Amino acid sequence: MTAITDEFMRQKLSGTRNFTIVVLKKGQYYNHPDAKGIIWEHGRRNFSLREEGLLAIVCPVNDGSELVGIGIFNADVEKTKQIMDGDPGVKEGIFEYEIHPTRSFPGDGLPEL
């Protein structure tokens, strides 16, 4: 394992910036017969948000739990709340969400395969 000095950590930590994490959970109408089409449109919207640079990382979760997704937004908490409140799945009660401010290193991302 690579040795990391305190100086290296301080230098790297000074370069972090703010992001917002969204934790997406099943809402009251998640199992409604019309939910599948609305979830499809939620996904289409996520692709659009990614193309606009607002949704840096999106991770659907399909493990049968109440958790259905995690998103990291390149926006502050207020802007992220506006985005999520306009989501078709949230508006229809299919999803509920939590927002958490965080910080990370610019350029972080999932490794290429």
PDB file of N, CA and C in Angstrom:
ATOM      1  N   MET A   1       0.847  -1.176   0.000  1.00  0.00           N
ATOM      2  CA  MET A   1       0.000   0.000   0.000  1.00  0.00           C
ATOM      3  C   MET A   1       0.893   1.239   0.000  1.00  0.00           C
ATOM      4  N   THR A   2       0.508   2.251  -0.770  1.00  0.00           N
ATOM      5  CA  THR A   2       1.274   3.485  -0.884  1.00  0.00           C
ATOM      6  C   THR A   2       1.237   4.260   0.426  1.00  0.00           C
ATOM      7  N   ALA A   3       2.390   4.748   0.867  1.00  0.00           N
ATOM      8  CA  ALA A   3       2.461   5.571   2.077  1.00  0.00           C
ATOM      9  C   ALA A   3       1.987   6.985   1.738  1.00  0.00           C
ATOM     10  N   ILE A   4       1.099   7.525   2.557  1.00  0.00           N
ATOM     11  CA  ILE A   4       0.541   8.867   2.355  1.00  0.00           C
ATOM     12  C   ILE A   4       0.962   9.740   3.536  1.00  0.00           C
ATOM     13  N   THR A   5       1.611  10.845   3.240  1.00  0.00           N
ATOM     14  CA  THR A   5       2.064  11.743   4.299  1.00  0.00           C
ATOM     15  C   THR A   5       0.959  12.719   4.691  1.00  0.00           C
ATOM     16  N   ASP A   6       1.120  13.339   5.842  1.00  0.00           N
ATOM     17  CA  ASP A   6       0.180  14.378   6.274  1.00  0.00           C
ATOM     18  C   ASP A   6       0.175  15.541   5.292  1.00  0.00           C
ATOM     19  N   GLU A   7       1.350  15.907   4.804  1.00  0.00           N
ATOM     20  CA  GLU A   7       1.453  17.012   3.849  1.00  0.00           C
ATOM     21  C   GLU A   7       0.670  16.692   2.570  1.00  0.00           C
ATOM     22  N   PHE A   8       0.810  15.495   2.070  1.00  0.00           N
ATOM     23  CA  PHE A   8       0.077  15.074   0.882  1.00  0.00           C
ATOM     24  C   PHE A   8      -1.433  15.173   1.128  1.00  0.00           C
ATOM     25  N   MET A   9      -1.886  14.689   2.289  1.00  0.00           N
ATOM     26  CA  MET A   9      -3.313  14.735   2.618  1.00  0.00           C
ATOM     27  C   MET A   9      -3.813  16.171   2.685  1.00  0.00           C
ATOM     28  N   ARG A  10      -3.060  17.053   3.368  1.00  0.00           N
ATOM     29  CA  ARG A  10      -3.475  18.456   3.470  1.00  0.00           C
ATOM     30  C   ARG A  10      -3.579  19.098   2.090  1.00  0.00           C
ATOM     31  N   GLN A  11      -2.610  18.812   1.245  1.00  0.00           N
ATOM     32  CA  GLN A  11      -2.618  19.376  -0.103  1.00  0.00           C
ATOM     33  C   GLN A  11      -3.842  18.883  -0.877  1.00  0.00           C
ATOM     34  N   LYS A  12      -4.121  17.611  -0.836  1.00  0.00           N
ATOM     35  CA  LYS A  12      -5.256  17.046  -1.571  1.00  0.00           C
ATOM     36  C   LYS A  12      -6.589  17.541  -0.999  1.00  0.00           C
ATOM     37  N   LEU A  13      -6.706  17.576   0.316  1.00  0.00           N
ATOM     38  CA  LEU A  13      -7.955  18.007   0.952  1.00  0.00           C
ATOM     39  C   LEU A  13      -8.270  19.472   0.655  1.00  0.00           C
ATOM     40  N   SER A  14      -7.246  20.278   0.430  1.00  0.00           N
ATOM     41  CA  SER A  14      -7.489  21.685   0.113  1.00  0.00           C
ATOM     42  C   SER A  14      -8.107  21.846  -1.277  1.00  0.00           C
ATOM     43  N   GLY A  15      -8.054  20.791  -2.095  1.00  0.00           N
ATOM     44  CA  GLY A  15      -8.598  20.857  -3.443  1.00  0.00           C
ATOM     45  C   GLY A  15      -9.992  20.264  -3.583  1.00  0.00           C
ATOM     46  N   THR A  16     -10.617  19.900  -2.470  1.00  0.00           N
ATOM     47  CA  THR A  16     -11.964  19.338  -2.585  1.00  0.00           C
ATOM     48  C   THR A  16     -12.964  20.440  -2.884  1.00  0.00           C
ATOM     49  N   ARG A  17     -14.123  20.026  -3.386  1.00  0.00           N
ATOM     50  CA  ARG A  17     -15.197  20.979  -3.613  1.00  0.00           C
ATOM     51  C   ARG A  17     -16.515  20.340  -3.223  1.00  0.00           C
ATOM     52  N   ASN A  18     -17.521  21.180  -3.089  1.00  0.00           N
ATOM     53  CA  ASN A  18     -18.820  20.728  -2.610  1.00  0.00           C
ATOM     54  C   ASN A  18     -19.638  20.054  -3.705  1.00  0.00           C
ATOM     55  N   PHE A  19     -20.318  19.018  -3.308  1.00  0.00           N
ATOM     56  CA  PHE A  19     -21.273  18.291  -4.131  1.00  0.00           C
ATOM     57  C   PHE A  19     -22.478  17.993  -3.246  1.00  0.00           C
ATOM     58  N   THR A  20     -23.494  17.371  -3.803  1.00  0.00           N
ATOM     59  CA  THR A  20     -24.670  16.986  -3.028  1.00  0.00           C
ATOM     60  C   THR A  20     -25.024  15.543  -3.362  1.00  0.00           C
ATOM     61  N   ILE A  21     -25.245  14.753  -2.330  1.00  0.00           N
ATOM     62  CA  ILE A  21     -25.650  13.362  -2.502  1.00  0.00           C
ATOM     63  C   ILE A  21     -27.154  13.265  -2.314  1.00  0.00           C
ATOM     64  N   VAL A  22     -27.799  12.500  -3.188  1.00  0.00           N
ATOM     65  CA  VAL A  22     -29.218  12.188  -3.049  1.00  0.00           C
ATOM     66  C   VAL A  22     -29.343  10.690  -2.795  1.00  0.00           C
ATOM     67  N   VAL A  23     -30.089  10.358  -1.751  1.00  0.00           N
ATOM     68  CA  VAL A  23     -30.429   8.973  -1.434  1.00  0.00           C
ATOM     69  C   VAL A  23     -31.887   8.799  -1.833  1.00  0.00           C
ATOM     70  N   LEU A  24     -32.131   7.950  -2.824  1.00  0.00           N
ATOM     71  CA  LEU A  24     -33.472   7.748  -3.357  1.00  0.00           C
ATOM     72  C   LEU A  24     -34.064   6.478  -2.770  1.00  0.00           C
ATOM     73  N   LYS A  25     -35.289   6.591  -2.250  1.00  0.00           N
ATOM     74  CA  LYS A  25     -35.964   5.464  -1.612  1.00  0.00           C
ATOM     75  C   LYS A  25     -37.329   5.231  -2.240  1.00  0.00           C
ATOM     76  N   LYS A  26     -37.858   4.040  -2.023  1.00  0.00           N
ATOM     77  CA  LYS A  26     -39.203   3.728  -2.494  1.00  0.00           C
ATOM     78  C   LYS A  26     -40.204   4.651  -1.816  1.00  0.00           C
ATOM     79  N   GLY A  27     -41.119   5.185  -2.608  1.00  0.00           N
ATOM     80  CA  GLY A  27     -42.196   6.007  -2.086  1.00  0.00           C
ATOM     81  C   GLY A  27     -43.471   5.188  -1.933  1.00  0.00           C
ATOM     82  N   GLN A  28     -44.506   5.844  -1.519  1.00  0.00           N
ATOM     83  CA  GLN A  28     -45.798   5.207  -1.247  1.00  0.00           C
ATOM     84  C   GLN A  28     -46.343   4.474  -2.479  1.00  0.00           C
ATOM     85  N   TYR A  29     -46.118   4.992  -3.666  1.00  0.00           N
ATOM     86  CA  TYR A  29     -46.687   4.413  -4.890  1.00  0.00           C
ATOM     87  C   TYR A  29     -45.665   3.669  -5.746  1.00  0.00           C
ATOM     88  N   TYR A  30     -44.591   3.224  -5.142  1.00  0.00           N
ATOM     89  CA  TYR A  30     -43.530   2.533  -5.876  1.00  0.00           C
ATOM     90  C   TYR A  30     -44.047   1.312  -6.634  1.00  0.00           C
ATOM     91  N   ASN A  31     -44.974   0.589  -6.054  1.00  0.00           N
ATOM     92  CA  ASN A  31     -45.500  -0.629  -6.686  1.00  0.00           C
ATOM     93  C   ASN A  31     -46.794  -0.397  -7.459  1.00  0.00           C
ATOM     94  N   HIS A  32     -47.150   0.835  -7.708  1.00  0.00           N
ATOM     95  CA  HIS A  32     -48.363   1.156  -8.473  1.00  0.00           C
ATOM     96  C   HIS A  32     -48.206   0.625  -9.906  1.00  0.00           C
ATOM     97  N   PRO A  33     -49.291   0.151 -10.533  1.00  0.00           N
ATOM     98  CA  PRO A  33     -49.203  -0.376 -11.899  1.00  0.00           C
ATOM     99  C   PRO A  33     -48.614   0.603 -12.921  1.00  0.00           C
ATOM    100  N   ASP A  34     -48.785   1.884 -12.740  1.00  0.00           N
ATOM    101  CA  ASP A  34     -48.259   2.881 -13.684  1.00  0.00           C
ATOM    102  C   ASP A  34     -46.816   3.288 -13.388  1.00  0.00           C
ATOM    103  N   ALA A  35     -46.235   2.742 -12.324  1.00  0.00           N
ATOM    104  CA  ALA A  35     -44.910   3.189 -11.886  1.00  0.00           C
ATOM    105  C   ALA A  35     -43.814   2.900 -12.916  1.00  0.00           C
ATOM    106  N   LYS A  36     -43.899   1.797 -13.613  1.00  0.00           N
ATOM    107  CA  LYS A  36     -42.823   1.399 -14.526  1.00  0.00           C
ATOM    108  C   LYS A  36     -42.547   2.472 -15.585  1.00  0.00           C
ATOM    109  N   GLY A  37     -43.590   3.022 -16.192  1.00  0.00           N
ATOM    110  CA  GLY A  37     -43.406   4.064 -17.198  1.00  0.00           C
ATOM    111  C   GLY A  37     -42.847   5.345 -16.616  1.00  0.00           C
ATOM    112  N   ILE A  38     -43.271   5.676 -15.417  1.00  0.00           N
ATOM    113  CA  ILE A  38     -42.771   6.892 -14.762  1.00  0.00           C
ATOM    114  C   ILE A  38     -41.308   6.713 -14.379  1.00  0.00           C
ATOM    115  N   ILE A  39     -40.950   5.511 -13.933  1.00  0.00           N
ATOM    116  CA  ILE A  39     -39.550   5.225 -13.600  1.00  0.00           C
ATOM    117  C   ILE A  39     -38.686   5.325 -14.864  1.00  0.00           C
ATOM    118  N   TRP A  40     -39.210   4.900 -15.999  1.00  0.00           N
ATOM    119  CA  TRP A  40     -38.492   5.029 -17.275  1.00  0.00           C
ATOM    120  C   TRP A  40     -38.207   6.499 -17.578  1.00  0.00           C
ATOM    121  N   GLU A  41     -39.201   7.351 -17.363  1.00  0.00           N
ATOM    122  CA  GLU A  41     -39.027   8.787 -17.615  1.00  0.00           C
ATOM    123  C   GLU A  41     -38.072   9.410 -16.593  1.00  0.00           C
ATOM    124  N   HIS A  42     -38.086   8.919 -15.375  1.00  0.00           N
ATOM    125  CA  HIS A  42     -37.108   9.335 -14.354  1.00  0.00           C
ATOM    126  C   HIS A  42     -35.693   9.032 -14.880  1.00  0.00           C
ATOM    127  N   GLY A  43     -35.515   7.841 -15.455  1.00  0.00           N
ATOM    128  CA  GLY A  43     -34.216   7.472 -16.015  1.00  0.00           C
ATOM    129  C   GLY A  43     -33.823   8.369 -17.181  1.00  0.00           C
ATOM    130  N   ARG A  44     -34.792   8.676 -18.048  1.00  0.00           N
ATOM    131  CA  ARG A  44     -34.517   9.579 -19.173  1.00  0.00           C
ATOM    132  C   ARG A  44     -34.052  10.936 -18.646  1.00  0.00           C
ATOM    133  N   ARG A  45     -34.710  11.407 -17.604  1.00  0.00           N
ATOM    134  CA  ARG A  45     -34.341  12.705 -17.004  1.00  0.00           C
ATOM    135  C   ARG A  45     -32.928  12.640 -16.429  1.00  0.00           C
ATOM    136  N   ASN A  46     -32.584  11.504 -15.811  1.00  0.00           N
ATOM    137  CA  ASN A  46     -31.231  11.345 -15.277  1.00  0.00           C
ATOM    138  C   ASN A  46     -30.190  11.430 -16.384  1.00  0.00           C
ATOM    139  N   PHE A  47     -30.468  10.813 -17.540  1.00  0.00           N
ATOM    140  CA  PHE A  47     -29.537  10.923 -18.672  1.00  0.00           C
ATOM    141  C   PHE A  47     -29.372  12.384 -19.084  1.00  0.00           C
ATOM    142  N   SER A  48     -30.464  13.127 -19.111  1.00  0.00           N
ATOM    143  CA  SER A  48     -30.409  14.540 -19.463  1.00  0.00           C
ATOM    144  C   SER A  48     -29.586  15.330 -18.445  1.00  0.00           C
ATOM    145  N   LEU A  49     -29.804  15.060 -17.170  1.00  0.00           N
ATOM    146  CA  LEU A  49     -29.046  15.739 -16.112  1.00  0.00           C
ATOM    147  C   LEU A  49     -27.559  15.411 -16.215  1.00  0.00           C
ATOM    148  N   ARG A  50     -27.228  14.189 -16.592  1.00  0.00           N
ATOM    149  CA  ARG A  50     -25.821  13.810 -16.787  1.00  0.00           C
ATOM    150  C   ARG A  50     -25.232  14.578 -17.956  1.00  0.00           C
ATOM    151  N   GLU A  51     -25.976  14.671 -19.052  1.00  0.00           N
ATOM    152  CA  GLU A  51     -25.491  15.383 -20.233  1.00  0.00           C
ATOM    153  C   GLU A  51     -25.270  16.866 -19.933  1.00  0.00           C
ATOM    154  N   GLU A  52     -26.078  17.436 -19.034  1.00  0.00           N
ATOM    155  CA  GLU A  52     -25.945  18.842 -18.654  1.00  0.00           C
ATOM    156  C   GLU A  52     -24.861  19.063 -17.605  1.00  0.00           C
ATOM    157  N   GLY A  53     -24.267  17.991 -17.089  1.00  0.00           N
ATOM    158  CA  GLY A  53     -23.214  18.106 -16.090  1.00  0.00           C
ATOM    159  C   GLY A  53     -23.719  18.294 -14.672  1.00  0.00           C
ATOM    160  N   LEU A  54     -25.007  18.113 -14.458  1.00  0.00           N
ATOM    161  CA  LEU A  54     -25.567  18.304 -13.110  1.00  0.00           C
ATOM    162  C   LEU A  54     -25.556  17.030 -12.265  1.00  0.00           C
ATOM    163  N   LEU A  55     -25.655  15.883 -12.890  1.00  0.00           N
ATOM    164  CA  LEU A  55     -25.673  14.607 -12.175  1.00  0.00           C
ATOM    165  C   LEU A  55     -24.385  13.877 -12.523  1.00  0.00           C
ATOM    166  N   ALA A  56     -23.410  13.976 -11.620  1.00  0.00           N
ATOM    167  CA  ALA A  56     -22.075  13.451 -11.897  1.00  0.00           C
ATOM    168  C   ALA A  56     -22.032  11.934 -11.883  1.00  0.00           C
ATOM    169  N   ILE A  57     -22.696  11.330 -10.919  1.00  0.00           N
ATOM    170  CA  ILE A  57     -22.713   9.871 -10.782  1.00  0.00           C
ATOM    171  C   ILE A  57     -24.114   9.459 -10.392  1.00  0.00           C
ATOM    172  N   VAL A  58     -24.639   8.447 -11.064  1.00  0.00           N
ATOM    173  CA  VAL A  58     -25.950   7.897 -10.727  1.00  0.00           C
ATOM    174  C   VAL A  58     -25.792   6.386 -10.566  1.00  0.00           C
ATOM    175  N   CYS A  59     -26.307   5.870  -9.463  1.00  0.00           N
ATOM    176  CA  CYS A  59     -26.169   4.447  -9.152  1.00  0.00           C
ATOM    177  C   CYS A  59     -27.522   3.869  -8.753  1.00  0.00           C
ATOM    178  N   PRO A  60     -28.232   3.225  -9.679  1.00  0.00           N
ATOM    179  CA  PRO A  60     -29.457   2.533  -9.294  1.00  0.00           C
ATOM    180  C   PRO A  60     -29.126   1.384  -8.333  1.00  0.00           C
ATOM    181  N   VAL A  61     -30.017   1.128  -7.403  1.00  0.00           N
ATOM    182  CA  VAL A  61     -29.844   0.033  -6.450  1.00  0.00           C
ATOM    183  C   VAL A  61     -31.047  -0.898  -6.608  1.00  0.00           C
ATOM    184  N   ASN A  62     -30.785  -2.147  -6.938  1.00  0.00           N
ATOM    185  CA  ASN A  62     -31.842  -3.119  -7.186  1.00  0.00           C
ATOM    186  C   ASN A  62     -31.659  -4.353  -6.312  1.00  0.00           C
ATOM    187  N   ASP A  63     -31.574  -4.136  -5.002  1.00  0.00           N
ATOM    188  CA  ASP A  63     -31.337  -5.258  -4.105  1.00  0.00           C
ATOM    189  C   ASP A  63     -32.565  -5.650  -3.275  1.00  0.00           C
ATOM    190  N   GLY A  64     -33.735  -5.087  -3.620  1.00  0.00           N
ATOM    191  CA  GLY A  64     -34.954  -5.429  -2.897  1.00  0.00           C
ATOM    192  C   GLY A  64     -35.166  -4.635  -1.614  1.00  0.00           C
ATOM    193  N   SER A  65     -34.238  -3.746  -1.295  1.00  0.00           N
ATOM    194  CA  SER A  65     -34.384  -2.923  -0.089  1.00  0.00           C
ATOM    195  C   SER A  65     -35.226  -1.688  -0.407  1.00  0.00           C
ATOM    196  N   GLU A  66     -35.411  -0.851   0.568  1.00  0.00           N
ATOM    197  CA  GLU A  66     -36.126   0.409   0.364  1.00  0.00           C
ATOM    198  C   GLU A  66     -35.292   1.412  -0.424  1.00  0.00           C
ATOM    199  N   LEU A  67     -33.986   1.208  -0.450  1.00  0.00           N
ATOM    200  CA  LEU A  67     -33.076   2.073  -1.192  1.00  0.00           C
ATOM    201  C   LEU A  67     -33.144   1.709  -2.671  1.00  0.00           C
ATOM    202  N   VAL A  68     -33.364   2.709  -3.543  1.00  0.00           N
ATOM    203  CA  VAL A  68     -33.433   2.422  -4.978  1.00  0.00           C
ATOM    204  C   VAL A  68     -32.383   3.171  -5.791  1.00  0.00           C
ATOM    205  N   GLY A  69     -31.641   4.076  -5.169  1.00  0.00           N
ATOM    206  CA  GLY A  69     -30.605   4.756  -5.919  1.00  0.00           C
ATOM    207  C   GLY A  69     -29.817   5.755  -5.105  1.00  0.00           C
ATOM    208  N   ILE A  70     -28.632   6.064  -5.613  1.00  0.00           N
ATOM    209  CA  ILE A  70     -27.745   7.083  -5.049  1.00  0.00           C
ATOM    210  C   ILE A  70     -27.311   7.963  -6.216  1.00  0.00           C
ATOM    211  N   GLY A  71     -27.342   9.265  -6.026  1.00  0.00           N
ATOM    212  CA  GLY A  71     -26.860  10.184  -7.043  1.00  0.00           C
ATOM    213  C   GLY A  71     -25.949  11.222  -6.427  1.00  0.00           C
ATOM    214  N   ILE A  72     -24.916  11.596  -7.147  1.00  0.00           N
ATOM    215  CA  ILE A  72     -24.035  12.676  -6.717  1.00  0.00           C
ATOM    216  C   ILE A  72     -24.210  13.816  -7.708  1.00  0.00           C
ATOM    217  N   PHE A  73     -24.687  14.944  -7.196  1.00  0.00           N
ATOM    218  CA  PHE A  73     -25.010  16.099  -8.028  1.00  0.00           C
ATOM    219  C   PHE A  73     -23.913  17.141  -7.965  1.00  0.00           C
ATOM    220  N   ASN A  74     -23.632  17.715  -9.102  1.00  0.00           N
ATOM    221  CA  ASN A  74     -22.705  18.823  -9.235  1.00  0.00           C
ATOM    222  C   ASN A  74     -23.509  20.121  -9.058  1.00  0.00           C
ATOM    223  N   ALA A  75     -24.107  20.254  -7.893  1.00  0.00           N
ATOM    224  CA  ALA A  75     -24.983  21.390  -7.581  1.00  0.00           C
ATOM    225  C   ALA A  75     -25.065  21.517  -6.066  1.00  0.00           C
ATOM    226  N   ASP A  76     -25.450  22.696  -5.603  1.00  0.00           N
ATOM    227  CA  ASP A  76     -25.616  22.877  -4.164  1.00  0.00           C
ATOM    228  C   ASP A  76     -26.934  22.239  -3.708  1.00  0.00           C
ATOM    229  N   VAL A  77     -27.156  22.233  -2.415  1.00  0.00           N
ATOM    230  CA  VAL A  77     -28.331  21.586  -1.834  1.00  0.00           C
ATOM    231  C   VAL A  77     -29.621  22.193  -2.368  1.00  0.00           C
ATOM    232  N   GLU A  78     -29.689  23.510  -2.465  1.00  0.00           N
ATOM    233  CA  GLU A  78     -30.920  24.164  -2.921  1.00  0.00           C
ATOM    234  C   GLU A  78     -31.252  23.794  -4.363  1.00  0.00           C
ATOM    235  N   LYS A  79     -30.247  23.843  -5.249  1.00  0.00           N
ATOM    236  CA  LYS A  79     -30.454  23.487  -6.653  1.00  0.00           C
ATOM    237  C   LYS A  79     -30.825  22.009  -6.779  1.00  0.00           C
ATOM    238  N   THR A  80     -30.168  21.164  -6.002  1.00  0.00           N
ATOM    239  CA  THR A  80     -30.471  19.732  -6.046  1.00  0.00           C
ATOM    240  C   THR A  80     -31.900  19.473  -5.589  1.00  0.00           C
ATOM    241  N   LYS A  81     -32.351  20.190  -4.570  1.00  0.00           N
ATOM    242  CA  LYS A  81     -33.740  20.041  -4.112  1.00  0.00           C
ATOM    243  C   LYS A  81     -34.711  20.439  -5.222  1.00  0.00           C
ATOM    244  N   GLN A  82     -34.432  21.524  -5.928  1.00  0.00           N
ATOM    245  CA  GLN A  82     -35.280  21.937  -7.057  1.00  0.00           C
ATOM    246  C   GLN A  82     -35.319  20.849  -8.127  1.00  0.00           C
ATOM    247  N   ILE A  83     -34.156  20.292  -8.434  1.00  0.00           N
ATOM    248  CA  ILE A  83     -34.080  19.235  -9.439  1.00  0.00           C
ATOM    249  C   ILE A  83     -34.916  18.033  -8.997  1.00  0.00           C
ATOM    250  N   MET A  84     -34.736  17.613  -7.757  1.00  0.00           N
ATOM    251  CA  MET A  84     -35.440  16.420  -7.284  1.00  0.00           C
ATOM    252  C   MET A  84     -36.932  16.660  -7.147  1.00  0.00           C
ATOM    253  N   ASP A  85     -37.326  17.833  -6.733  1.00  0.00           N
ATOM    254  CA  ASP A  85     -38.759  18.125  -6.617  1.00  0.00           C
ATOM    255  C   ASP A  85     -39.445  18.103  -7.981  1.00  0.00           C
ATOM    256  N   GLY A  86     -38.686  18.306  -9.065  1.00  0.00           N
ATOM    257  CA  GLY A  86     -39.236  18.251 -10.403  1.00  0.00           C
ATOM    258  C   GLY A  86     -39.175  16.868 -11.038  1.00  0.00           C
ATOM    259  N   ASP A  87     -38.610  15.905 -10.345  1.00  0.00           N
ATOM    260  CA  ASP A  87     -38.493  14.550 -10.877  1.00  0.00           C
ATOM    261  C   ASP A  87     -39.877  13.901 -10.980  1.00  0.00           C
ATOM    262  N   PRO A  88     -40.193  13.265 -12.126  1.00  0.00           N
ATOM    263  CA  PRO A  88     -41.521  12.680 -12.281  1.00  0.00           C
ATOM    264  C   PRO A  88     -41.831  11.602 -11.246  1.00  0.00           C
ATOM    265  N   GLY A  89     -40.843  10.823 -10.865  1.00  0.00           N
ATOM    266  CA  GLY A  89     -41.066   9.788  -9.853  1.00  0.00           C
ATOM    267  C   GLY A  89     -41.327  10.355  -8.478  1.00  0.00           C
ATOM    268  N   VAL A  90     -40.664  11.443  -8.149  1.00  0.00           N
ATOM    269  CA  VAL A  90     -40.891  12.108  -6.859  1.00  0.00           C
ATOM    270  C   VAL A  90     -42.270  12.759  -6.862  1.00  0.00           C
ATOM    271  N   LYS A  91     -42.598  13.432  -7.961  1.00  0.00           N
ATOM    272  CA  LYS A  91     -43.890  14.124  -8.040  1.00  0.00           C
ATOM    273  C   LYS A  91     -45.060  13.148  -7.940  1.00  0.00           C
ATOM    274  N   GLU A  92     -44.882  11.914  -8.417  1.00  0.00           N
ATOM    275  CA  GLU A  92     -45.953  10.918  -8.390  1.00  0.00           C
ATOM    276  C   GLU A  92     -45.924  10.037  -7.142  1.00  0.00           C
ATOM    277  N   GLY A  93     -44.999  10.308  -6.217  1.00  0.00           N
ATOM    278  CA  GLY A  93     -44.936   9.532  -4.974  1.00  0.00           C
ATOM    279  C   GLY A  93     -44.314   8.159  -5.128  1.00  0.00           C
ATOM    280  N   ILE A  94     -43.659   7.921  -6.271  1.00  0.00           N
ATOM    281  CA  ILE A  94     -42.981   6.641  -6.496  1.00  0.00           C
ATOM    282  C   ILE A  94     -41.661   6.615  -5.737  1.00  0.00           C
ATOM    283  N   PHE A  95     -41.031   7.775  -5.646  1.00  0.00           N
ATOM    284  CA  PHE A  95     -39.769   7.911  -4.928  1.00  0.00           C
ATOM    285  C   PHE A  95     -39.889   8.962  -3.837  1.00  0.00           C
ATOM    286  N   GLU A  96     -39.104   8.766  -2.807  1.00  0.00           N
ATOM    287  CA  GLU A  96     -38.823   9.779  -1.785  1.00  0.00           C
ATOM    288  C   GLU A  96     -37.313   9.956  -1.776  1.00  0.00           C
ATOM    289  N   TYR A  97     -36.842  11.074  -1.270  1.00  0.00           N
ATOM    290  CA  TYR A  97     -35.399  11.278  -1.293  1.00  0.00           C
ATOM    291  C   TYR A  97     -34.916  12.013  -0.046  1.00  0.00           C
ATOM    292  N   GLU A  98     -33.627  11.825   0.213  1.00  0.00           N
ATOM    293  CA  GLU A  98     -32.888  12.587   1.221  1.00  0.00           C
ATOM    294  C   GLU A  98     -31.753  13.289   0.483  1.00  0.00           C
ATOM    295  N   ILE A  99     -31.399  14.458   0.969  1.00  0.00           N
ATOM    296  CA  ILE A  99     -30.277  15.209   0.398  1.00  0.00           C
ATOM    297  C   ILE A  99     -29.227  15.416   1.487  1.00  0.00           C
ATOM    298  N   HIS A 100     -27.962  15.219   1.097  1.00  0.00           N
ATOM    299  CA  HIS A 100     -26.850  15.397   2.024  1.00  0.00           C
ATOM    300  C   HIS A 100     -25.722  16.155   1.343  1.00  0.00           C
ATOM    301  N   PRO A 101     -25.309  17.290   1.912  1.00  0.00           N
ATOM    302  CA  PRO A 101     -24.144  17.982   1.348  1.00  0.00           C
ATOM    303  C   PRO A 101     -22.883  17.162   1.635  1.00  0.00           C
ATOM    304  N   THR A 102     -21.956  17.197   0.705  1.00  0.00           N
ATOM    305  CA  THR A 102     -20.703  16.463   0.868  1.00  0.00           C
ATOM    306  C   THR A 102     -19.612  17.202   0.119  1.00  0.00           C
ATOM    307  N   ARG A 103     -18.438  16.656   0.111  1.00  0.00           N
ATOM    308  CA  ARG A 103     -17.355  17.210  -0.694  1.00  0.00           C
ATOM    309  C   ARG A 103     -16.507  16.063  -1.202  1.00  0.00           C
ATOM    310  N   SER A 104     -15.851  16.315  -2.304  1.00  0.00           N
ATOM    311  CA  SER A 104     -14.991  15.308  -2.904  1.00  0.00           C
ATOM    312  C   SER A 104     -13.962  16.004  -3.772  1.00  0.00           C
ATOM    313  N   PHE A 105     -13.166  15.210  -4.429  1.00  0.00           N
ATOM    314  CA  PHE A 105     -12.116  15.737  -5.270  1.00  0.00           C
ATOM    315  C   PHE A 105     -12.641  15.917  -6.691  1.00  0.00           C
ATOM    316  N   PRO A 106     -12.473  17.094  -7.278  1.00  0.00           N
ATOM    317  CA  PRO A 106     -12.878  17.280  -8.675  1.00  0.00           C
ATOM    318  C   PRO A 106     -12.215  16.219  -9.555  1.00  0.00           C
ATOM    319  N   GLY A 107     -12.999  15.665 -10.452  1.00  0.00           N
ATOM    320  CA  GLY A 107     -12.484  14.633 -11.333  1.00  0.00           C
ATOM    321  C   GLY A 107     -12.654  13.218 -10.819  1.00  0.00           C
ATOM    322  N   ASP A 108     -13.058  13.072  -9.547  1.00  0.00           N
ATOM    323  CA  ASP A 108     -13.329  11.726  -9.055  1.00  0.00           C
ATOM    324  C   ASP A 108     -14.404  11.077  -9.903  1.00  0.00           C
ATOM    325  N   GLY A 109     -14.338   9.813 -10.047  1.00  0.00           N
ATOM    326  CA  GLY A 109     -15.343   9.092 -10.831  1.00  0.00           C
ATOM    327  C   GLY A 109     -15.123   7.604 -10.692  1.00  0.00           C
ATOM    328  N   LEU A 110     -16.001   6.865 -11.298  1.00  0.00           N
ATOM    329  CA  LEU A 110     -15.888   5.427 -11.286  1.00  0.00           C
ATOM    330  C   LEU A 110     -14.798   5.002 -12.261  1.00  0.00           C
ATOM    331  N   PRO A 111     -14.058   3.955 -11.933  1.00  0.00           N
ATOM    332  CA  PRO A 111     -12.986   3.524 -12.838  1.00  0.00           C
ATOM    333  C   PRO A 111     -13.559   2.967 -14.142  1.00  0.00           C
ATOM    334  N   GLU A 112     -12.826   3.167 -15.211  1.00  0.00           N
ATOM    335  CA  GLU A 112     -13.183   2.601 -16.504  1.00  0.00           C
ATOM    336  C   GLU A 112     -12.980   1.097 -16.458  1.00  0.00           C
ATOM    337  N   LEU A 113     -13.766   0.391 -17.226  1.00  0.00           N
ATOM    338  CA  LEU A 113     -13.599  -1.072 -17.312  1.00  0.00           C
ATOM    339  C   LEU A 113     -12.621  -1.444 -18.383  1.00  0.00           C
TER     340      LEU A 113
END
